[in-house]
N, C-alpha and C. Protein backbone atom coordinates (compact mmCIF):
# COMPACT_ATOMS: atom_id res chain seq x y z
N MET A 1 127.84 -234.94 10.59
CA MET A 1 127.23 -233.87 11.56
C MET A 1 125.61 -233.88 11.62
N LYS A 2 125.14 -234.25 12.77
CA LYS A 2 123.62 -234.43 12.76
C LYS A 2 123.03 -233.05 12.97
N LYS A 3 121.73 -232.97 12.32
CA LYS A 3 121.04 -231.65 12.45
C LYS A 3 120.38 -231.41 13.62
N PHE A 4 120.41 -229.96 14.19
CA PHE A 4 119.71 -229.48 15.48
C PHE A 4 118.22 -229.73 15.37
N LYS A 5 117.60 -230.60 16.45
CA LYS A 5 116.35 -230.68 16.52
C LYS A 5 115.82 -230.24 17.72
N PHE A 6 114.89 -229.31 17.94
CA PHE A 6 114.25 -228.84 19.14
C PHE A 6 113.19 -229.79 19.40
N ASN A 7 113.03 -230.45 20.67
CA ASN A 7 112.07 -231.36 20.98
C ASN A 7 110.74 -230.65 21.12
N LEU A 8 110.58 -229.50 21.70
CA LEU A 8 109.51 -228.75 21.73
C LEU A 8 108.91 -227.78 20.61
N GLU A 9 109.45 -228.22 19.53
CA GLU A 9 109.25 -227.20 18.36
C GLU A 9 107.75 -227.01 18.10
N ASN A 10 106.86 -228.20 18.17
CA ASN A 10 105.41 -228.12 18.20
C ASN A 10 104.90 -227.29 19.17
N VAL A 11 105.30 -227.39 20.33
CA VAL A 11 104.61 -226.56 21.31
C VAL A 11 105.04 -225.11 21.10
N LEU A 12 106.14 -224.83 20.65
CA LEU A 12 106.51 -223.34 20.38
C LEU A 12 105.75 -222.97 19.16
N LYS A 13 105.49 -223.62 18.18
CA LYS A 13 104.67 -223.14 17.09
C LYS A 13 103.26 -222.91 17.69
N TYR A 14 102.66 -223.86 18.38
CA TYR A 14 101.37 -223.60 18.90
C TYR A 14 101.48 -222.24 19.86
N ARG A 15 102.32 -222.05 20.77
CA ARG A 15 102.35 -220.92 21.44
C ARG A 15 102.46 -219.76 20.62
N LYS A 16 103.18 -219.70 19.45
CA LYS A 16 103.29 -218.42 18.60
C LYS A 16 101.87 -218.36 17.89
N ASN A 17 101.33 -219.35 17.54
CA ASN A 17 100.10 -219.31 16.95
C ASN A 17 99.19 -218.62 17.84
N VAL A 18 98.98 -218.93 19.13
CA VAL A 18 98.13 -218.40 20.13
C VAL A 18 98.52 -217.07 20.27
N GLU A 19 99.64 -216.68 20.34
CA GLU A 19 100.19 -215.25 20.46
C GLU A 19 99.61 -214.40 19.25
N SER A 20 99.83 -214.88 18.20
CA SER A 20 99.26 -214.29 16.89
C SER A 20 97.73 -214.17 16.98
N TYR A 21 97.25 -215.07 17.40
CA TYR A 21 95.61 -215.05 17.49
C TYR A 21 95.19 -214.05 18.51
N GLU A 22 95.74 -214.02 19.62
CA GLU A 22 95.46 -213.13 20.63
C GLU A 22 95.75 -211.60 20.23
N LYS A 23 96.79 -211.48 19.44
CA LYS A 23 97.08 -210.13 18.99
C LYS A 23 96.01 -209.54 17.93
N THR A 24 95.56 -210.58 17.26
CA THR A 24 94.61 -210.35 16.24
C THR A 24 93.20 -209.76 16.93
N VAL A 25 92.78 -210.61 17.84
CA VAL A 25 91.51 -210.17 18.72
C VAL A 25 91.88 -208.84 19.39
N LEU A 26 93.02 -208.51 20.00
CA LEU A 26 93.35 -207.11 20.61
C LEU A 26 93.22 -206.24 19.46
N SER A 27 93.85 -206.42 18.22
CA SER A 27 93.48 -205.36 17.00
C SER A 27 92.11 -205.25 16.67
N GLY A 28 91.22 -206.33 16.87
CA GLY A 28 90.00 -206.08 16.51
C GLY A 28 89.11 -205.28 17.55
N TYR A 29 89.59 -205.47 18.83
CA TYR A 29 89.01 -204.67 19.96
C TYR A 29 89.39 -203.28 19.76
N ASN A 30 90.59 -203.06 19.49
CA ASN A 30 91.12 -201.51 19.15
C ASN A 30 90.37 -200.97 17.98
N GLY A 31 90.28 -201.59 16.94
CA GLY A 31 89.35 -201.09 15.67
C GLY A 31 88.03 -200.80 16.24
N HIS A 32 87.32 -201.52 16.89
CA HIS A 32 86.03 -201.24 17.56
C HIS A 32 85.98 -200.05 18.31
N LEU A 33 87.00 -199.84 19.29
CA LEU A 33 87.08 -198.88 20.14
C LEU A 33 87.21 -197.42 19.18
N LEU A 34 87.94 -197.52 18.14
CA LEU A 34 88.35 -196.47 17.32
C LEU A 34 86.81 -196.01 16.57
N LYS A 35 86.04 -197.11 16.20
CA LYS A 35 84.80 -196.70 15.67
C LYS A 35 83.94 -196.13 16.59
N LEU A 36 83.83 -196.55 17.90
CA LEU A 36 83.02 -196.10 19.00
C LEU A 36 83.37 -194.60 19.27
N LEU A 37 84.60 -194.32 19.31
CA LEU A 37 85.11 -193.06 19.50
C LEU A 37 84.74 -192.05 18.32
N ASP A 38 84.73 -192.55 17.12
CA ASP A 38 84.33 -191.72 15.96
C ASP A 38 82.79 -191.39 16.09
N GLU A 39 82.00 -192.43 16.58
CA GLU A 39 80.65 -192.38 16.89
C GLU A 39 80.23 -191.26 17.97
N LEU A 40 81.16 -191.33 18.90
CA LEU A 40 80.75 -190.31 20.05
C LEU A 40 81.11 -188.92 19.49
N GLU A 41 82.19 -188.81 18.88
CA GLU A 41 82.41 -187.36 18.25
C GLU A 41 81.34 -186.93 17.38
N ALA A 42 80.66 -187.83 16.58
CA ALA A 42 79.61 -187.51 15.62
C ALA A 42 78.44 -187.09 16.59
N LEU A 43 78.20 -187.92 17.63
CA LEU A 43 77.12 -187.52 18.67
C LEU A 43 77.35 -186.13 19.15
N ASN A 44 78.46 -185.90 19.70
CA ASN A 44 78.85 -184.56 20.28
C ASN A 44 78.65 -183.42 19.15
N ARG A 45 79.10 -183.64 17.95
CA ARG A 45 78.84 -182.81 16.89
C ARG A 45 77.51 -182.43 16.76
N ASP A 46 76.63 -183.39 16.73
CA ASP A 46 75.15 -183.22 16.50
C ASP A 46 74.45 -182.33 17.66
N TYR A 47 75.10 -182.61 18.80
CA TYR A 47 74.53 -181.95 20.08
C TYR A 47 74.86 -180.64 20.03
N GLU A 48 76.11 -180.30 19.59
CA GLU A 48 76.50 -178.90 19.34
C GLU A 48 75.67 -178.17 18.35
N ARG A 49 75.43 -178.85 17.14
CA ARG A 49 74.65 -178.33 16.00
C ARG A 49 73.33 -177.85 16.52
N ILE A 50 72.62 -178.79 17.12
CA ILE A 50 71.18 -178.64 17.67
C ILE A 50 71.17 -177.34 18.76
N SER A 51 72.27 -177.49 19.60
CA SER A 51 72.21 -176.42 20.57
C SER A 51 72.40 -175.16 20.05
N GLU A 52 73.36 -174.97 18.98
CA GLU A 52 73.48 -173.66 18.26
C GLU A 52 72.29 -173.26 17.61
N GLU A 53 71.61 -174.22 16.83
CA GLU A 53 70.35 -173.90 16.23
C GLU A 53 69.26 -173.57 17.17
N PHE A 54 69.10 -174.06 18.46
CA PHE A 54 68.23 -173.50 19.46
C PHE A 54 68.46 -172.29 19.99
N GLU A 55 69.83 -171.98 20.06
CA GLU A 55 70.17 -170.60 20.53
C GLU A 55 69.95 -169.57 19.42
N GLU A 56 70.00 -169.90 18.20
CA GLU A 56 69.75 -168.99 17.12
C GLU A 56 68.22 -168.84 17.02
N LEU A 57 67.51 -169.90 17.11
CA LEU A 57 65.91 -169.68 17.09
C LEU A 57 65.49 -168.98 18.48
N SER A 58 65.93 -169.17 19.53
CA SER A 58 65.69 -168.32 20.71
C SER A 58 66.00 -167.03 20.40
N SER A 59 66.81 -166.55 19.88
CA SER A 59 67.12 -165.01 19.86
C SER A 59 66.28 -164.34 18.67
N ARG A 60 65.69 -165.22 17.80
CA ARG A 60 64.77 -164.78 16.84
C ARG A 60 63.30 -164.83 17.33
N GLY A 61 63.15 -165.71 18.30
CA GLY A 61 61.56 -165.95 18.67
C GLY A 61 61.40 -167.29 18.11
N ILE A 62 60.72 -168.04 19.32
CA ILE A 62 60.57 -169.57 19.03
C ILE A 62 59.21 -169.97 19.84
N THR A 63 58.68 -171.00 19.15
CA THR A 63 57.45 -171.41 19.72
C THR A 63 57.47 -172.50 20.66
N VAL A 64 56.48 -172.79 21.57
CA VAL A 64 56.68 -173.80 22.65
C VAL A 64 56.89 -175.04 21.89
N HIS A 65 56.43 -175.36 20.77
CA HIS A 65 56.47 -176.65 20.16
C HIS A 65 57.87 -176.85 19.69
N GLN A 66 58.62 -175.67 19.15
CA GLN A 66 59.90 -175.76 18.81
C GLN A 66 61.02 -176.02 20.00
N ILE A 67 60.50 -175.49 21.07
CA ILE A 67 61.34 -175.50 22.48
C ILE A 67 61.33 -177.02 22.79
N ARG A 68 60.21 -177.54 22.77
CA ARG A 68 59.92 -178.87 23.30
C ARG A 68 60.64 -179.84 22.14
N SER A 69 60.66 -179.65 20.96
CA SER A 69 61.26 -180.46 20.00
C SER A 69 62.75 -180.36 20.24
N SER A 70 63.28 -179.20 20.34
CA SER A 70 64.58 -178.88 20.53
C SER A 70 65.31 -179.82 21.88
N HIS A 71 64.47 -179.58 22.84
CA HIS A 71 64.82 -180.05 24.06
C HIS A 71 64.74 -181.81 24.01
N ALA A 72 63.78 -182.12 23.13
CA ALA A 72 63.73 -183.61 23.16
C ALA A 72 64.93 -184.24 22.46
N MET A 73 65.24 -183.44 21.32
CA MET A 73 66.31 -183.96 20.53
C MET A 73 67.74 -183.75 21.40
N MET A 74 67.96 -182.78 22.09
CA MET A 74 69.02 -182.50 22.93
C MET A 74 69.17 -183.61 23.92
N GLU A 75 68.07 -184.00 24.64
CA GLU A 75 67.96 -184.95 25.70
C GLU A 75 68.27 -186.38 25.12
N ASN A 76 67.69 -186.66 23.84
CA ASN A 76 67.92 -187.85 23.27
C ASN A 76 69.39 -188.01 22.79
N LEU A 77 70.01 -187.01 22.33
CA LEU A 77 71.55 -186.97 22.10
C LEU A 77 72.28 -187.06 23.34
N GLU A 78 71.86 -186.36 24.57
CA GLU A 78 72.57 -186.68 25.86
C GLU A 78 72.62 -188.16 26.22
N TYR A 79 71.32 -188.70 26.09
CA TYR A 79 71.46 -189.96 26.47
C TYR A 79 72.24 -191.05 25.59
N SER A 80 72.09 -190.82 24.24
CA SER A 80 72.96 -191.53 23.46
C SER A 80 74.54 -191.28 23.65
N ILE A 81 74.81 -190.05 24.08
CA ILE A 81 76.33 -189.94 24.33
C ILE A 81 76.59 -190.58 25.55
N GLU A 82 75.85 -190.67 26.68
CA GLU A 82 75.97 -191.30 27.80
C GLU A 82 76.17 -192.90 27.49
N ARG A 83 75.34 -193.47 26.71
CA ARG A 83 75.41 -194.75 26.20
C ARG A 83 76.75 -195.17 25.57
N LYS A 84 76.97 -194.31 24.72
CA LYS A 84 78.32 -194.34 23.91
C LYS A 84 79.46 -194.33 24.78
N ILE A 85 79.42 -193.35 25.79
CA ILE A 85 80.62 -193.35 26.70
C ILE A 85 80.66 -194.72 27.57
N LYS A 86 79.67 -195.25 28.00
CA LYS A 86 79.51 -196.59 28.71
C LYS A 86 80.15 -197.61 27.78
N GLU A 87 79.74 -197.52 26.48
CA GLU A 87 80.15 -198.63 25.64
C GLU A 87 81.77 -198.51 25.39
N ILE A 88 82.18 -197.26 25.30
CA ILE A 88 83.76 -197.11 25.25
C ILE A 88 84.35 -197.48 26.41
N GLU A 89 83.89 -197.26 27.59
CA GLU A 89 84.46 -197.77 28.79
C GLU A 89 84.55 -199.27 28.93
N THR A 90 83.36 -199.83 28.32
CA THR A 90 83.53 -201.42 28.44
C THR A 90 84.43 -201.90 27.50
N GLN A 91 84.49 -201.23 26.22
CA GLN A 91 85.45 -201.58 25.24
C GLN A 91 86.95 -201.49 25.79
N GLN A 92 87.23 -200.54 26.65
CA GLN A 92 88.41 -200.23 27.17
C GLN A 92 88.76 -201.34 28.11
N LYS A 93 87.78 -201.65 28.95
CA LYS A 93 88.08 -202.76 29.92
C LYS A 93 88.58 -204.17 29.07
N LEU A 94 87.74 -204.55 27.97
CA LEU A 94 87.93 -205.59 27.09
C LEU A 94 89.46 -205.50 26.69
N ILE A 95 89.91 -204.07 26.15
CA ILE A 95 91.14 -204.13 25.65
C ILE A 95 92.30 -204.31 26.78
N ASN A 96 92.11 -203.76 27.98
CA ASN A 96 92.98 -203.94 29.07
C ASN A 96 93.19 -205.54 29.36
N ARG A 97 92.06 -206.22 29.40
CA ARG A 97 91.95 -207.69 29.60
C ARG A 97 92.61 -208.46 28.59
N GLN A 98 92.36 -207.95 27.20
CA GLN A 98 92.99 -208.80 26.25
C GLN A 98 94.52 -208.44 26.18
N THR A 99 94.96 -207.30 26.51
CA THR A 99 96.36 -206.79 26.44
C THR A 99 97.10 -207.77 27.50
N ASN A 100 96.59 -208.02 28.74
CA ASN A 100 97.10 -208.87 29.74
C ASN A 100 97.18 -210.34 29.01
N VAL A 101 96.00 -210.80 28.24
CA VAL A 101 96.25 -212.06 27.60
C VAL A 101 97.45 -212.13 26.63
N VAL A 102 97.56 -210.95 25.82
CA VAL A 102 98.56 -211.03 24.75
C VAL A 102 99.91 -211.01 25.31
N MET A 103 100.14 -210.34 26.44
CA MET A 103 101.42 -210.25 27.29
C MET A 103 101.82 -211.73 27.85
N ASN A 104 100.76 -212.37 28.31
CA ASN A 104 101.13 -213.65 28.84
C ASN A 104 101.39 -214.70 27.68
N ALA A 105 100.65 -214.57 26.43
CA ALA A 105 101.02 -215.30 25.31
C ALA A 105 102.38 -215.06 24.90
N ILE A 106 102.83 -213.80 24.83
CA ILE A 106 104.13 -213.42 24.43
C ILE A 106 105.12 -214.02 25.39
N LYS A 107 104.88 -213.97 26.66
CA LYS A 107 105.90 -214.60 27.65
C LYS A 107 106.02 -215.97 27.50
N ASP A 108 104.89 -216.80 27.25
CA ASP A 108 104.85 -218.23 27.07
C ASP A 108 105.82 -218.58 25.75
N ALA A 109 105.53 -217.79 24.96
CA ALA A 109 106.38 -217.98 23.54
C ALA A 109 107.90 -217.75 23.68
N LYS A 110 108.16 -216.67 24.44
CA LYS A 110 109.41 -216.13 24.75
C LYS A 110 110.29 -217.12 25.58
N ILE A 111 109.64 -217.84 26.50
CA ILE A 111 110.29 -218.93 27.40
C ILE A 111 110.78 -219.92 26.48
N LEU A 112 109.98 -220.36 25.51
CA LEU A 112 110.41 -221.59 24.74
C LEU A 112 111.36 -221.08 23.65
N ASP A 113 111.22 -219.86 23.23
CA ASP A 113 112.43 -219.28 22.36
C ASP A 113 113.69 -219.34 23.07
N LYS A 114 113.69 -218.99 24.24
CA LYS A 114 114.75 -218.86 25.01
C LYS A 114 115.51 -220.17 25.26
N LEU A 115 114.54 -221.13 25.72
CA LEU A 115 115.02 -222.33 25.81
C LEU A 115 115.63 -223.09 24.49
N LYS A 116 114.92 -222.82 23.52
CA LYS A 116 115.47 -223.32 22.01
C LYS A 116 116.92 -222.51 21.79
N GLU A 117 117.05 -221.29 22.15
CA GLU A 117 118.32 -220.74 21.82
C GLU A 117 119.29 -221.28 22.80
N THR A 118 119.22 -221.66 24.15
CA THR A 118 120.02 -222.31 25.06
C THR A 118 120.30 -223.69 24.40
N LYS A 119 119.31 -224.37 23.99
CA LYS A 119 119.59 -225.69 23.48
C LYS A 119 120.55 -225.62 22.31
N LEU A 120 120.22 -224.68 21.43
CA LEU A 120 120.97 -224.65 20.17
C LEU A 120 122.40 -224.07 20.52
N GLU A 121 122.66 -223.21 21.49
CA GLU A 121 124.04 -222.78 21.80
C GLU A 121 124.65 -224.25 22.32
N LYS A 122 124.20 -225.02 23.25
CA LYS A 122 124.72 -226.26 23.87
C LYS A 122 125.19 -227.06 22.58
N TYR A 123 124.09 -227.33 21.64
CA TYR A 123 124.30 -228.04 20.38
C TYR A 123 125.64 -227.56 19.50
N LYS A 124 125.72 -226.32 19.49
CA LYS A 124 126.65 -225.73 18.66
C LYS A 124 128.05 -225.97 19.36
N LYS A 125 128.17 -225.79 20.65
CA LYS A 125 129.36 -226.25 21.42
C LYS A 125 129.65 -227.62 21.22
N SER A 126 128.81 -228.55 21.37
CA SER A 126 128.95 -229.79 21.30
C SER A 126 129.58 -230.22 20.12
N GLU A 127 128.90 -229.63 18.85
CA GLU A 127 129.42 -229.91 17.42
C GLU A 127 130.89 -229.30 17.44
N ASP A 128 131.04 -228.19 18.03
CA ASP A 128 132.45 -227.51 17.65
C ASP A 128 133.60 -228.44 18.41
N LYS A 129 133.27 -228.91 19.68
CA LYS A 129 134.14 -229.88 20.25
C LYS A 129 134.22 -231.01 19.48
N SER A 130 133.18 -231.58 18.94
CA SER A 130 133.29 -232.93 17.89
C SER A 130 134.14 -232.57 16.73
N ASN A 131 134.14 -231.48 16.23
CA ASN A 131 134.77 -231.08 15.16
C ASN A 131 136.18 -230.96 15.52
N GLU A 132 136.46 -230.32 16.54
CA GLU A 132 137.84 -230.27 17.17
C GLU A 132 138.51 -231.40 17.43
N ALA A 133 137.86 -232.43 18.02
CA ALA A 133 138.29 -233.79 18.16
C ALA A 133 138.66 -234.61 16.83
N PHE A 134 137.82 -234.37 15.84
CA PHE A 134 137.94 -235.04 14.68
C PHE A 134 139.07 -234.35 14.16
N ILE A 135 139.37 -233.06 13.97
CA ILE A 135 140.52 -232.27 13.40
C ILE A 135 141.84 -232.95 14.16
N GLU A 136 141.75 -233.00 15.54
CA GLU A 136 142.96 -233.31 16.12
C GLU A 136 143.45 -234.92 15.71
N GLU A 137 142.30 -235.70 15.79
CA GLU A 137 142.61 -237.01 15.35
C GLU A 137 143.04 -237.13 13.86
N PHE A 138 142.46 -236.28 12.91
CA PHE A 138 142.87 -236.29 11.64
C PHE A 138 144.51 -235.69 11.60
N VAL A 139 144.81 -234.77 12.31
CA VAL A 139 146.18 -234.19 12.39
C VAL A 139 147.03 -235.23 12.89
N SER A 140 146.67 -235.96 13.88
CA SER A 140 147.60 -236.96 14.55
C SER A 140 147.66 -238.11 13.59
N TYR A 141 146.79 -238.42 12.94
CA TYR A 141 146.89 -239.55 11.84
C TYR A 141 147.72 -239.22 10.71
N GLN A 142 147.64 -237.89 10.40
CA GLN A 142 148.53 -237.33 9.17
C GLN A 142 149.85 -237.45 9.72
N SER A 143 150.13 -236.95 10.72
CA SER A 143 151.56 -236.97 11.43
C SER A 143 152.27 -238.38 11.49
N LEU A 144 151.11 -239.30 11.98
CA LEU A 144 151.75 -240.65 12.00
C LEU A 144 152.09 -241.28 10.56
N THR A 145 151.28 -240.87 9.58
CA THR A 145 151.54 -241.37 8.22
C THR A 145 152.76 -240.81 7.77
N ASN A 146 152.92 -239.41 8.05
CA ASN A 146 153.99 -238.75 7.52
C ASN A 146 155.33 -239.31 8.32
N ASP A 147 155.27 -239.60 9.39
CA ASP A 147 156.43 -240.18 10.28
C ASP A 147 156.85 -241.41 9.69
N LYS A 148 155.99 -242.41 9.15
CA LYS A 148 156.21 -243.59 8.56
C LYS A 148 156.83 -243.64 7.33
N LYS A 149 156.69 -242.53 6.59
CA LYS A 149 157.37 -242.31 5.31
C LYS A 149 158.63 -241.98 5.23
């Protein structure tokens, strides 16, 4: 009985490696997105803290210098928040694009996997037929030798 050999095994391995690589890239993009979201959350907390401090100082009396300083810090944080939101949007676009790349890589590998399964099934059927023919031949030979005795 000969061993099953899939002609496109190297291509299948290559496509699976590509799929694995693209998934790793996507994972990196998702990790970076989580980091950006954490940074945005920290910026929002800082803005809330400074806003509350400003409200507290305003209720007790505040100098013009403190007003300008608080507004400058809040404007700076607003700008940082806007920039961070744009970074997050850009990162989400990268993730969407990479998700499509991963889906295509998965499809490419699945196509060859399916082809391999089909060829393996054909191989098994062929081997079964070959084995059946051998058994029939063996049985008929045995019956011939038994008849001669």
